[in-house]
Amino acid sequence: MTYTYYDFLDLAPGASTARIDAAYAQILERFGYGVTDAGQDLSGLVRQIHAAYEVLSDPDKRERYDADLERAARAADLELKEALDQAAPWQPRLAQDLPSAMVSTYQSLAA
């Protein structure tokens, strides 16, 4: 699964600048210096959070980033549509064979 910068900051794509700043501060406070109490290294995640904030807090970078996301979403939608539009090869439907006792019972009831 591919995460966007909005995912790293736990934001919706239309978030305001104030909301971006607040989310960034809240997430940094939660992750602290990139090490959990159990000694887990989160420095890679913290770097991604910093990169996300750097892009989303700058209006020009954010506009380019949003355009790239939109292009990627359109391409994915087109790929999915093409895959769904391809006609599946027709295969005959196979009926289950009925036991002979059941066939004779149905034939006697039908008569």
PDB file of N, CA and C in Angstrom:
ATOM      1  N   MET A   1       0.848  -1.171   0.000  1.00  0.00           N
ATOM      2  CA  MET A   1       0.000   0.000   0.000  1.00  0.00           C
ATOM      3  C   MET A   1       0.895   1.234   0.000  1.00  0.00           C
ATOM      4  N   THR A   2       0.516   2.210  -0.781  1.00  0.00           N
ATOM      5  CA  THR A   2       1.276   3.443  -0.863  1.00  0.00           C
ATOM      6  C   THR A   2       0.598   4.498   0.002  1.00  0.00           C
ATOM      7  N   TYR A   3       1.378   5.120   0.861  1.00  0.00           N
ATOM      8  CA  TYR A   3       0.849   6.173   1.721  1.00  0.00           C
ATOM      9  C   TYR A   3       1.186   7.534   1.127  1.00  0.00           C
ATOM     10  N   THR A   4       0.262   8.477   1.300  1.00  0.00           N
ATOM     11  CA  THR A   4       0.503   9.844   0.851  1.00  0.00           C
ATOM     12  C   THR A   4       0.983  10.671   2.035  1.00  0.00           C
ATOM     13  N   TYR A   5       1.440  11.867   1.734  1.00  0.00           N
ATOM     14  CA  TYR A   5       1.845  12.773   2.816  1.00  0.00           C
ATOM     15  C   TYR A   5       0.653  13.097   3.716  1.00  0.00           C
ATOM     16  N   TYR A   6      -0.544  13.111   3.156  1.00  0.00           N
ATOM     17  CA  TYR A   6      -1.730  13.355   3.981  1.00  0.00           C
ATOM     18  C   TYR A   6      -1.916  12.227   4.988  1.00  0.00           C
ATOM     19  N   ASP A   7      -1.601  11.004   4.577  1.00  0.00           N
ATOM     20  CA  ASP A   7      -1.711   9.868   5.491  1.00  0.00           C
ATOM     21  C   ASP A   7      -0.716   9.985   6.646  1.00  0.00           C
ATOM     22  N   PHE A   8       0.510  10.421   6.339  1.00  0.00           N
ATOM     23  CA  PHE A   8       1.522  10.540   7.395  1.00  0.00           C
ATOM     24  C   PHE A   8       1.133  11.566   8.446  1.00  0.00           C
ATOM     25  N   LEU A   9       0.402  12.594   8.023  1.00  0.00           N
ATOM     26  CA  LEU A   9      -0.031  13.616   8.980  1.00  0.00           C
ATOM     27  C   LEU A   9      -1.471  13.402   9.443  1.00  0.00           C
ATOM     28  N   ASP A  10      -2.083  12.295   8.993  1.00  0.00           N
ATOM     29  CA  ASP A  10      -3.454  11.949   9.379  1.00  0.00           C
ATOM     30  C   ASP A  10      -4.417  13.091   9.059  1.00  0.00           C
ATOM     31  N   LEU A  11      -4.367  13.549   7.786  1.00  0.00           N
ATOM     32  CA  LEU A  11      -5.176  14.674   7.329  1.00  0.00           C
ATOM     33  C   LEU A  11      -5.976  14.302   6.096  1.00  0.00           C
ATOM     34  N   ALA A  12      -7.063  15.034   5.885  1.00  0.00           N
ATOM     35  CA  ALA A  12      -7.809  14.940   4.631  1.00  0.00           C
ATOM     36  C   ALA A  12      -7.122  15.844   3.621  1.00  0.00           C
ATOM     37  N   PRO A  13      -7.204  15.537   2.326  1.00  0.00           N
ATOM     38  CA  PRO A  13      -6.506  16.346   1.323  1.00  0.00           C
ATOM     39  C   PRO A  13      -6.856  17.831   1.314  1.00  0.00           C
ATOM     40  N   GLY A  14      -8.013  18.236   1.734  1.00  0.00           N
ATOM     41  CA  GLY A  14      -8.377  19.651   1.701  1.00  0.00           C
ATOM     42  C   GLY A  14      -8.065  20.401   2.986  1.00  0.00           C
ATOM     43  N   ALA A  15      -7.208  19.876   3.831  1.00  0.00           N
ATOM     44  CA  ALA A  15      -6.940  20.469   5.142  1.00  0.00           C
ATOM     45  C   ALA A  15      -6.318  21.855   5.023  1.00  0.00           C
ATOM     46  N   SER A  16      -6.679  22.710   5.955  1.00  0.00           N
ATOM     47  CA  SER A  16      -6.141  24.067   5.973  1.00  0.00           C
ATOM     48  C   SER A  16      -4.699  24.063   6.478  1.00  0.00           C
ATOM     49  N   THR A  17      -4.012  25.177   6.264  1.00  0.00           N
ATOM     50  CA  THR A  17      -2.628  25.307   6.720  1.00  0.00           C
ATOM     51  C   THR A  17      -2.548  25.201   8.239  1.00  0.00           C
ATOM     52  N   ALA A  18      -3.518  25.806   8.927  1.00  0.00           N
ATOM     53  CA  ALA A  18      -3.539  25.733  10.395  1.00  0.00           C
ATOM     54  C   ALA A  18      -3.703  24.283  10.850  1.00  0.00           C
ATOM     55  N   ARG A  19      -4.551  23.531  10.163  1.00  0.00           N
ATOM     56  CA  ARG A  19      -4.755  22.126  10.532  1.00  0.00           C
ATOM     57  C   ARG A  19      -3.496  21.304  10.263  1.00  0.00           C
ATOM     58  N   ILE A  20      -2.780  21.631   9.187  1.00  0.00           N
ATOM     59  CA  ILE A  20      -1.526  20.935   8.878  1.00  0.00           C
ATOM     60  C   ILE A  20      -0.504  21.185   9.976  1.00  0.00           C
ATOM     61  N   ASP A  21      -0.384  22.447  10.398  1.00  0.00           N
ATOM     62  CA  ASP A  21       0.557  22.794  11.475  1.00  0.00           C
ATOM     63  C   ASP A  21       0.202  22.065  12.765  1.00  0.00           C
ATOM     64  N   ALA A  22      -1.096  22.042  13.095  1.00  0.00           N
ATOM     65  CA  ALA A  22      -1.539  21.389  14.335  1.00  0.00           C
ATOM     66  C   ALA A  22      -1.297  19.880  14.278  1.00  0.00           C
ATOM     67  N   ALA A  23      -1.589  19.273  13.144  1.00  0.00           N
ATOM     68  CA  ALA A  23      -1.386  17.820  13.009  1.00  0.00           C
ATOM     69  C   ALA A  23       0.093  17.478  13.101  1.00  0.00           C
ATOM     70  N   TYR A  24       0.936  18.286  12.488  1.00  0.00           N
ATOM     71  CA  TYR A  24       2.388  18.067  12.527  1.00  0.00           C
ATOM     72  C   TYR A  24       2.896  18.130  13.962  1.00  0.00           C
ATOM     73  N   ALA A  25       2.484  19.155  14.684  1.00  0.00           N
ATOM     74  CA  ALA A  25       2.918  19.296  16.079  1.00  0.00           C
ATOM     75  C   ALA A  25       2.419  18.135  16.930  1.00  0.00           C
ATOM     76  N   GLN A  26       1.176  17.731  16.715  1.00  0.00           N
ATOM     77  CA  GLN A  26       0.592  16.636  17.499  1.00  0.00           C
ATOM     78  C   GLN A  26       1.315  15.317  17.232  1.00  0.00           C
ATOM     79  N   ILE A  27       1.620  15.041  15.969  1.00  0.00           N
ATOM     80  CA  ILE A  27       2.283  13.782  15.632  1.00  0.00           C
ATOM     81  C   ILE A  27       3.718  13.774  16.147  1.00  0.00           C
ATOM     82  N   LEU A  28       4.409  14.888  16.038  1.00  0.00           N
ATOM     83  CA  LEU A  28       5.777  14.935  16.578  1.00  0.00           C
ATOM     84  C   LEU A  28       5.776  14.742  18.084  1.00  0.00           C
ATOM     85  N   GLU A  29       4.787  15.298  18.746  1.00  0.00           N
ATOM     86  CA  GLU A  29       4.688  15.120  20.194  1.00  0.00           C
ATOM     87  C   GLU A  29       4.432  13.654  20.527  1.00  0.00           C
ATOM     88  N   ARG A  30       3.607  13.001  19.722  1.00  0.00           N
ATOM     89  CA  ARG A  30       3.282  11.591  19.966  1.00  0.00           C
ATOM     90  C   ARG A  30       4.506  10.701  19.753  1.00  0.00           C
ATOM     91  N   PHE A  31       5.276  10.964  18.690  1.00  0.00           N
ATOM     92  CA  PHE A  31       6.427  10.122  18.379  1.00  0.00           C
ATOM     93  C   PHE A  31       7.718  10.598  19.021  1.00  0.00           C
ATOM     94  N   GLY A  32       7.720  11.763  19.605  1.00  0.00           N
ATOM     95  CA  GLY A  32       8.899  12.259  20.292  1.00  0.00           C
ATOM     96  C   GLY A  32      10.113  12.313  19.388  1.00  0.00           C
ATOM     97  N   TYR A  33      11.187  11.716  19.818  1.00  0.00           N
ATOM     98  CA  TYR A  33      12.434  11.764  19.060  1.00  0.00           C
ATOM     99  C   TYR A  33      12.644  10.552  18.171  1.00  0.00           C
ATOM    100  N   GLY A  34      11.597   9.800  17.920  1.00  0.00           N
ATOM    101  CA  GLY A  34      11.707   8.691  16.989  1.00  0.00           C
ATOM    102  C   GLY A  34      12.054   7.362  17.615  1.00  0.00           C
ATOM    103  N   VAL A  35      11.948   7.241  18.935  1.00  0.00           N
ATOM    104  CA  VAL A  35      12.217   5.970  19.611  1.00  0.00           C
ATOM    105  C   VAL A  35      11.069   5.717  20.583  1.00  0.00           C
ATOM    106  N   THR A  36      10.494   4.540  20.541  1.00  0.00           N
ATOM    107  CA  THR A  36       9.401   4.206  21.445  1.00  0.00           C
ATOM    108  C   THR A  36       9.960   3.753  22.793  1.00  0.00           C
ATOM    109  N   ASP A  37       9.072   3.576  23.744  1.00  0.00           N
ATOM    110  CA  ASP A  37       9.476   3.085  25.064  1.00  0.00           C
ATOM    111  C   ASP A  37      10.086   1.689  24.968  1.00  0.00           C
ATOM    112  N   ALA A  38       9.662   0.924  23.964  1.00  0.00           N
ATOM    113  CA  ALA A  38      10.176  -0.437  23.788  1.00  0.00           C
ATOM    114  C   ALA A  38      11.492  -0.440  23.011  1.00  0.00           C
ATOM    115  N   GLY A  39      12.007   0.732  22.677  1.00  0.00           N
ATOM    116  CA  GLY A  39      13.269   0.814  21.966  1.00  0.00           C
ATOM    117  C   GLY A  39      13.145   0.700  20.461  1.00  0.00           C
ATOM    118  N   GLN A  40      11.923   0.746  19.964  1.00  0.00           N
ATOM    119  CA  GLN A  40      11.678   0.637  18.522  1.00  0.00           C
ATOM    120  C   GLN A  40      12.124   1.927  17.837  1.00  0.00           C
ATOM    121  N   ASP A  41      12.893   1.800  16.772  1.00  0.00           N
ATOM    122  CA  ASP A  41      13.395   2.962  16.037  1.00  0.00           C
ATOM    123  C   ASP A  41      12.350   3.436  15.036  1.00  0.00           C
ATOM    124  N   LEU A  42      11.874   4.656  15.230  1.00  0.00           N
ATOM    125  CA  LEU A  42      10.874   5.222  14.333  1.00  0.00           C
ATOM    126  C   LEU A  42      11.455   6.369  13.516  1.00  0.00           C
ATOM    127  N   SER A  43      12.771   6.442  13.402  1.00  0.00           N
ATOM    128  CA  SER A  43      13.394   7.575  12.730  1.00  0.00           C
ATOM    129  C   SER A  43      12.967   7.676  11.261  1.00  0.00           C
ATOM    130  N   GLY A  44      12.765   6.553  10.595  1.00  0.00           N
ATOM    131  CA  GLY A  44      12.305   6.578   9.208  1.00  0.00           C
ATOM    132  C   GLY A  44      10.923   7.197   9.092  1.00  0.00           C
ATOM    133  N   LEU A  45      10.046   6.837  10.018  1.00  0.00           N
ATOM    134  CA  LEU A  45       8.702   7.397  10.036  1.00  0.00           C
ATOM    135  C   LEU A  45       8.747   8.892  10.336  1.00  0.00           C
ATOM    136  N   VAL A  46       9.587   9.282  11.277  1.00  0.00           N
ATOM    137  CA  VAL A  46       9.707  10.700  11.630  1.00  0.00           C
ATOM    138  C   VAL A  46      10.241  11.495  10.434  1.00  0.00           C
ATOM    139  N   ARG A  47      11.173  10.915   9.685  1.00  0.00           N
ATOM    140  CA  ARG A  47      11.675  11.599   8.474  1.00  0.00           C
ATOM    141  C   ARG A  47      10.558  11.772   7.455  1.00  0.00           C
ATOM    142  N   GLN A  48       9.705  10.756   7.306  1.00  0.00           N
ATOM    143  CA  GLN A  48       8.568  10.862   6.385  1.00  0.00           C
ATOM    144  C   GLN A  48       7.586  11.943   6.848  1.00  0.00           C
ATOM    145  N   ILE A  49       7.388  12.042   8.139  1.00  0.00           N
ATOM    146  CA  ILE A  49       6.495  13.067   8.685  1.00  0.00           C
ATOM    147  C   ILE A  49       7.063  14.457   8.415  1.00  0.00           C
ATOM    148  N   HIS A  50       8.366  14.634   8.606  1.00  0.00           N
ATOM    149  CA  HIS A  50       9.004  15.921   8.304  1.00  0.00           C
ATOM    150  C   HIS A  50       8.873  16.251   6.816  1.00  0.00           C
ATOM    151  N   ALA A  51       9.108  15.269   5.950  1.00  0.00           N
ATOM    152  CA  ALA A  51       8.991  15.490   4.508  1.00  0.00           C
ATOM    153  C   ALA A  51       7.556  15.862   4.137  1.00  0.00           C
ATOM    154  N   ALA A  52       6.598  15.192   4.756  1.00  0.00           N
ATOM    155  CA  ALA A  52       5.190  15.497   4.487  1.00  0.00           C
ATOM    156  C   ALA A  52       4.867  16.926   4.889  1.00  0.00           C
ATOM    157  N   TYR A  53       5.332  17.326   6.045  1.00  0.00           N
ATOM    158  CA  TYR A  53       5.064  18.694   6.502  1.00  0.00           C
ATOM    159  C   TYR A  53       5.743  19.715   5.598  1.00  0.00           C
ATOM    160  N   GLU A  54       6.953  19.415   5.181  1.00  0.00           N
ATOM    161  CA  GLU A  54       7.686  20.345   4.305  1.00  0.00           C
ATOM    162  C   GLU A  54       6.916  20.591   3.009  1.00  0.00           C
ATOM    163  N   VAL A  55       6.344  19.540   2.435  1.00  0.00           N
ATOM    164  CA  VAL A  55       5.605  19.685   1.175  1.00  0.00           C
ATOM    165  C   VAL A  55       4.240  20.325   1.413  1.00  0.00           C
ATOM    166  N   LEU A  56       3.499  19.836   2.400  1.00  0.00           N
ATOM    167  CA  LEU A  56       2.124  20.302   2.593  1.00  0.00           C
ATOM    168  C   LEU A  56       2.031  21.699   3.179  1.00  0.00           C
ATOM    169  N   SER A  57       3.061  22.154   3.861  1.00  0.00           N
ATOM    170  CA  SER A  57       3.010  23.496   4.445  1.00  0.00           C
ATOM    171  C   SER A  57       3.407  24.578   3.441  1.00  0.00           C
ATOM    172  N   ASP A  58       4.014  24.204   2.321  1.00  0.00           N
ATOM    173  CA  ASP A  58       4.390  25.165   1.277  1.00  0.00           C
ATOM    174  C   ASP A  58       3.316  25.124   0.186  1.00  0.00           C
ATOM    175  N   PRO A  59       2.613  26.240  -0.060  1.00  0.00           N
ATOM    176  CA  PRO A  59       1.500  26.222  -1.026  1.00  0.00           C
ATOM    177  C   PRO A  59       1.904  25.765  -2.430  1.00  0.00           C
ATOM    178  N   ASP A  60       3.061  26.173  -2.911  1.00  0.00           N
ATOM    179  CA  ASP A  60       3.486  25.782  -4.259  1.00  0.00           C
ATOM    180  C   ASP A  60       3.798  24.287  -4.331  1.00  0.00           C
ATOM    181  N   LYS A  61       4.552  23.799  -3.351  1.00  0.00           N
ATOM    182  CA  LYS A  61       4.882  22.374  -3.332  1.00  0.00           C
ATOM    183  C   LYS A  61       3.625  21.532  -3.167  1.00  0.00           C
ATOM    184  N   ARG A  62       2.708  22.039  -2.337  1.00  0.00           N
ATOM    185  CA  ARG A  62       1.466  21.297  -2.108  1.00  0.00           C
ATOM    186  C   ARG A  62       0.627  21.233  -3.377  1.00  0.00           C
ATOM    187  N   GLU A  63       0.575  22.321  -4.118  1.00  0.00           N
ATOM    188  CA  GLU A  63      -0.193  22.332  -5.362  1.00  0.00           C
ATOM    189  C   GLU A  63       0.377  21.320  -6.363  1.00  0.00           C
ATOM    190  N   ARG A  64       1.697  21.280  -6.487  1.00  0.00           N
ATOM    191  CA  ARG A  64       2.323  20.301  -7.384  1.00  0.00           C
ATOM    192  C   ARG A  64       2.070  18.875  -6.892  1.00  0.00           C
ATOM    193  N   TYR A  65       2.178  18.673  -5.591  1.00  0.00           N
ATOM    194  CA  TYR A  65       1.961  17.345  -5.009  1.00  0.00           C
ATOM    195  C   TYR A  65       0.520  16.894  -5.249  1.00  0.00           C
ATOM    196  N   ASP A  66      -0.447  17.785  -5.019  1.00  0.00           N
ATOM    197  CA  ASP A  66      -1.850  17.437  -5.238  1.00  0.00           C
ATOM    198  C   ASP A  66      -2.118  17.106  -6.707  1.00  0.00           C
ATOM    199  N   ALA A  67      -1.473  17.839  -7.611  1.00  0.00           N
ATOM    200  CA  ALA A  67      -1.630  17.555  -9.044  1.00  0.00           C
ATOM    201  C   ALA A  67      -1.062  16.173  -9.376  1.00  0.00           C
ATOM    202  N   ASP A  68       0.070  15.825  -8.786  1.00  0.00           N
ATOM    203  CA  ASP A  68       0.658  14.497  -9.002  1.00  0.00           C
ATOM    204  C   ASP A  68      -0.258  13.400  -8.466  1.00  0.00           C
ATOM    205  N   LEU A  69      -0.847  13.637  -7.293  1.00  0.00           N
ATOM    206  CA  LEU A  69      -1.780  12.655  -6.728  1.00  0.00           C
ATOM    207  C   LEU A  69      -2.994  12.487  -7.634  1.00  0.00           C
ATOM    208  N   GLU A  70      -3.488  13.600  -8.154  1.00  0.00           N
ATOM    209  CA  GLU A  70      -4.654  13.546  -9.039  1.00  0.00           C
ATOM    210  C   GLU A  70      -4.342  12.765 -10.310  1.00  0.00           C
ATOM    211  N   ARG A  71      -3.162  13.003 -10.881  1.00  0.00           N
ATOM    212  CA  ARG A  71      -2.753  12.266 -12.081  1.00  0.00           C
ATOM    213  C   ARG A  71      -2.648  10.769 -11.793  1.00  0.00           C
ATOM    214  N   ALA A  72      -2.061  10.426 -10.667  1.00  0.00           N
ATOM    215  CA  ALA A  72      -1.912   9.016 -10.297  1.00  0.00           C
ATOM    216  C   ALA A  72      -3.276   8.366 -10.077  1.00  0.00           C
ATOM    217  N   ALA A  73      -4.204   9.097  -9.458  1.00  0.00           N
ATOM    218  CA  ALA A  73      -5.545   8.556  -9.216  1.00  0.00           C
ATOM    219  C   ALA A  73      -6.284   8.341 -10.534  1.00  0.00           C
ATOM    220  N   ARG A  74      -6.163   9.288 -11.466  1.00  0.00           N
ATOM    221  CA  ARG A  74      -6.814   9.126 -12.770  1.00  0.00           C
ATOM    222  C   ARG A  74      -6.238   7.924 -13.509  1.00  0.00           C
ATOM    223  N   ALA A  75      -4.916   7.760 -13.457  1.00  0.00           N
ATOM    224  CA  ALA A  75      -4.275   6.627 -14.132  1.00  0.00           C
ATOM    225  C   ALA A  75      -4.742   5.305 -13.518  1.00  0.00           C
ATOM    226  N   ALA A  76      -4.848   5.251 -12.187  1.00  0.00           N
ATOM    227  CA  ALA A  76      -5.303   4.027 -11.517  1.00  0.00           C
ATOM    228  C   ALA A  76      -6.756   3.733 -11.867  1.00  0.00           C
ATOM    229  N   ASP A  77      -7.598   4.782 -11.923  1.00  0.00           N
ATOM    230  CA  ASP A  77      -8.996   4.586 -12.295  1.00  0.00           C
ATOM    231  C   ASP A  77      -9.119   4.054 -13.722  1.00  0.00           C
ATOM    232  N   LEU A  78      -8.322   4.623 -14.627  1.00  0.00           N
ATOM    233  CA  LEU A  78      -8.354   4.183 -16.020  1.00  0.00           C
ATOM    234  C   LEU A  78      -7.910   2.722 -16.141  1.00  0.00           C
ATOM    235  N   GLU A  79      -6.854   2.373 -15.414  1.00  0.00           N
ATOM    236  CA  GLU A  79      -6.363   0.990 -15.438  1.00  0.00           C
ATOM    237  C   GLU A  79      -7.420   0.021 -14.918  1.00  0.00           C
ATOM    238  N   LEU A  80      -8.096   0.405 -13.837  1.00  0.00           N
ATOM    239  CA  LEU A  80      -9.145  -0.447 -13.274  1.00  0.00           C
ATOM    240  C   LEU A  80     -10.320  -0.560 -14.241  1.00  0.00           C
ATOM    241  N   LYS A  81     -10.714   0.568 -14.840  1.00  0.00           N
ATOM    242  CA  LYS A  81     -11.824   0.545 -15.791  1.00  0.00           C
ATOM    243  C   LYS A  81     -11.504  -0.369 -16.972  1.00  0.00           C
ATOM    244  N   GLU A  82     -10.297  -0.267 -17.497  1.00  0.00           N
ATOM    245  CA  GLU A  82      -9.918  -1.121 -18.622  1.00  0.00           C
ATOM    246  C   GLU A  82      -9.939  -2.595 -18.227  1.00  0.00           C
ATOM    247  N   ALA A  83      -9.473  -2.888 -17.030  1.00  0.00           N
ATOM    248  CA  ALA A  83      -9.472  -4.285 -16.570  1.00  0.00           C
ATOM    249  C   ALA A  83     -10.896  -4.815 -16.406  1.00  0.00           C
ATOM    250  N   LEU A  84     -11.793  -3.960 -15.898  1.00  0.00           N
ATOM    251  CA  LEU A  84     -13.174  -4.395 -15.695  1.00  0.00           C
ATOM    252  C   LEU A  84     -13.953  -4.472 -17.002  1.00  0.00           C
ATOM    253  N   ASP A  85     -13.571  -3.634 -17.972  1.00  0.00           N
ATOM    254  CA  ASP A  85     -14.289  -3.611 -19.242  1.00  0.00           C
ATOM    255  C   ASP A  85     -13.903  -4.764 -20.168  1.00  0.00           C
ATOM    256  N   GLN A  86     -12.794  -5.389 -19.910  1.00  0.00           N
ATOM    257  CA  GLN A  86     -12.397  -6.512 -20.755  1.00  0.00           C
ATOM    258  C   GLN A  86     -13.413  -7.635 -20.572  1.00  0.00           C
ATOM    259  N   ALA A  87     -13.908  -8.132 -21.698  1.00  0.00           N
ATOM    260  CA  ALA A  87     -14.919  -9.188 -21.635  1.00  0.00           C
ATOM    261  C   ALA A  87     -14.264 -10.481 -21.154  1.00  0.00           C
ATOM    262  N   ALA A  88     -14.874 -11.048 -20.172  1.00  0.00           N
ATOM    263  CA  ALA A  88     -14.382 -12.334 -19.676  1.00  0.00           C
ATOM    264  C   ALA A  88     -14.745 -13.402 -20.691  1.00  0.00           C
ATOM    265  N   PRO A  89     -13.886 -14.344 -20.924  1.00  0.00           N
ATOM    266  CA  PRO A  89     -14.218 -15.397 -21.890  1.00  0.00           C
ATOM    267  C   PRO A  89     -15.434 -16.191 -21.406  1.00  0.00           C
ATOM    268  N   TRP A  90     -16.329 -16.469 -22.350  1.00  0.00           N
ATOM    269  CA  TRP A  90     -17.540 -17.190 -21.989  1.00  0.00           C
ATOM    270  C   TRP A  90     -17.209 -18.645 -21.724  1.00  0.00           C
ATOM    271  N   GLN A  91     -17.721 -19.135 -20.639  1.00  0.00           N
ATOM    272  CA  GLN A  91     -17.517 -20.539 -20.312  1.00  0.00           C
ATOM    273  C   GLN A  91     -18.885 -21.160 -20.056  1.00  0.00           C
ATOM    274  N   PRO A  92     -19.122 -22.333 -20.602  1.00  0.00           N
ATOM    275  CA  PRO A  92     -20.433 -22.957 -20.371  1.00  0.00           C
ATOM    276  C   PRO A  92     -20.599 -23.290 -18.889  1.00  0.00           C
ATOM    277  N   ARG A  93     -21.811 -23.160 -18.452  1.00  0.00           N
ATOM    278  CA  ARG A  93     -22.108 -23.452 -17.055  1.00  0.00           C
ATOM    279  C   ARG A  93     -22.413 -24.945 -16.935  1.00  0.00           C
ATOM    280  N   LEU A  94     -21.758 -25.581 -16.026  1.00  0.00           N
ATOM    281  CA  LEU A  94     -21.940 -27.019 -15.838  1.00  0.00           C
ATOM    282  C   LEU A  94     -22.927 -27.261 -14.703  1.00  0.00           C
ATOM    283  N   ALA A  95     -23.972 -28.020 -15.006  1.00  0.00           N
ATOM    284  CA  ALA A  95     -24.956 -28.362 -13.983  1.00  0.00           C
ATOM    285  C   ALA A  95     -24.472 -29.595 -13.225  1.00  0.00           C
ATOM    286  N   GLN A  96     -24.840 -29.640 -11.992  1.00  0.00           N
ATOM    287  CA  GLN A  96     -24.453 -30.786 -11.172  1.00  0.00           C
ATOM    288  C   GLN A  96     -25.284 -31.999 -11.583  1.00  0.00           C
ATOM    289  N   ASP A  97     -24.654 -33.147 -11.674  1.00  0.00           N
ATOM    290  CA  ASP A  97     -25.379 -34.377 -11.989  1.00  0.00           C
ATOM    291  C   ASP A  97     -26.238 -34.777 -10.799  1.00  0.00           C
ATOM    292  N   LEU A  98     -27.506 -35.089 -11.096  1.00  0.00           N
ATOM    293  CA  LEU A  98     -28.417 -35.500 -10.029  1.00  0.00           C
ATOM    294  C   LEU A  98     -28.338 -37.013  -9.846  1.00  0.00           C
ATOM    295  N   PRO A  99     -28.482 -37.468  -8.617  1.00  0.00           N
ATOM    296  CA  PRO A  99     -28.512 -38.926  -8.391  1.00  0.00           C
ATOM    297  C   PRO A  99     -29.712 -39.537  -9.132  1.00  0.00           C
ATOM    298  N   SER A 100     -29.530 -40.733  -9.613  1.00  0.00           N
ATOM    299  CA  SER A 100     -30.584 -41.394 -10.411  1.00  0.00           C
ATOM    300  C   SER A 100     -31.873 -41.564  -9.619  1.00  0.00           C
ATOM    301  N   ALA A 101     -31.789 -41.800  -8.316  1.00  0.00           N
ATOM    302  CA  ALA A 101     -33.007 -41.957  -7.508  1.00  0.00           C
ATOM    303  C   ALA A 101     -33.803 -40.658  -7.502  1.00  0.00           C
ATOM    304  N   MET A 102     -33.114 -39.526  -7.459  1.00  0.00           N
ATOM    305  CA  MET A 102     -33.793 -38.239  -7.445  1.00  0.00           C
ATOM    306  C   MET A 102     -34.423 -37.962  -8.815  1.00  0.00           C
ATOM    307  N   VAL A 103     -33.731 -38.343  -9.880  1.00  0.00           N
ATOM    308  CA  VAL A 103     -34.268 -38.144 -11.221  1.00  0.00           C
ATOM    309  C   VAL A 103     -35.546 -38.947 -11.404  1.00  0.00           C
ATOM    310  N   SER A 104     -35.539 -40.190 -10.966  1.00  0.00           N
ATOM    311  CA  SER A 104     -36.734 -41.028 -11.128  1.00  0.00           C
ATOM    312  C   SER A 104     -37.890 -40.497 -10.275  1.00  0.00           C
ATOM    313  N   THR A 105     -37.586 -39.947  -9.092  1.00  0.00           N
ATOM    314  CA  THR A 105     -38.626 -39.376  -8.231  1.00  0.00           C
ATOM    315  C   THR A 105     -39.236 -38.159  -8.918  1.00  0.00           C
ATOM    316  N   TYR A 106     -38.429 -37.277  -9.468  1.00  0.00           N
ATOM    317  CA  TYR A 106     -38.921 -36.088 -10.142  1.00  0.00           C
ATOM    318  C   TYR A 106     -39.745 -36.466 -11.371  1.00  0.00           C
ATOM    319  N   GLN A 107     -39.294 -37.487 -12.107  1.00  0.00           N
ATOM    320  CA  GLN A 107     -40.021 -37.918 -13.292  1.00  0.00           C
ATOM    321  C   GLN A 107     -41.378 -38.484 -12.916  1.00  0.00           C
ATOM    322  N   SER A 108     -41.437 -39.216 -11.814  1.00  0.00           N
ATOM    323  CA  SER A 108     -42.731 -39.791 -11.398  1.00  0.00           C
ATOM    324  C   SER A 108     -43.666 -38.693 -10.906  1.00  0.00           C
ATOM    325  N   LEU A 109     -43.128 -37.667 -10.262  1.00  0.00           N
ATOM    326  CA  LEU A 109     -43.974 -36.554  -9.792  1.00  0.00           C
ATOM    327  C   LEU A 109     -44.467 -35.716 -10.962  1.00  0.00           C
ATOM    328  N   ALA A 110     -43.663 -35.583 -11.978  1.00  0.00           N
ATOM    329  CA  ALA A 110     -44.018 -34.780 -13.139  1.00  0.00           C
ATOM    330  C   ALA A 110     -45.066 -35.459 -13.999  1.00  0.00           C
ATOM    331  N   ALA A 111     -45.155 -36.767 -13.904  1.00  0.00           N
ATOM    332  CA  ALA A 111     -46.090 -37.517 -14.757  1.00  0.00           C
ATOM    333  C   ALA A 111     -47.502 -37.462 -14.259  1.00  0.00           C
TER     334      ALA A 111
END
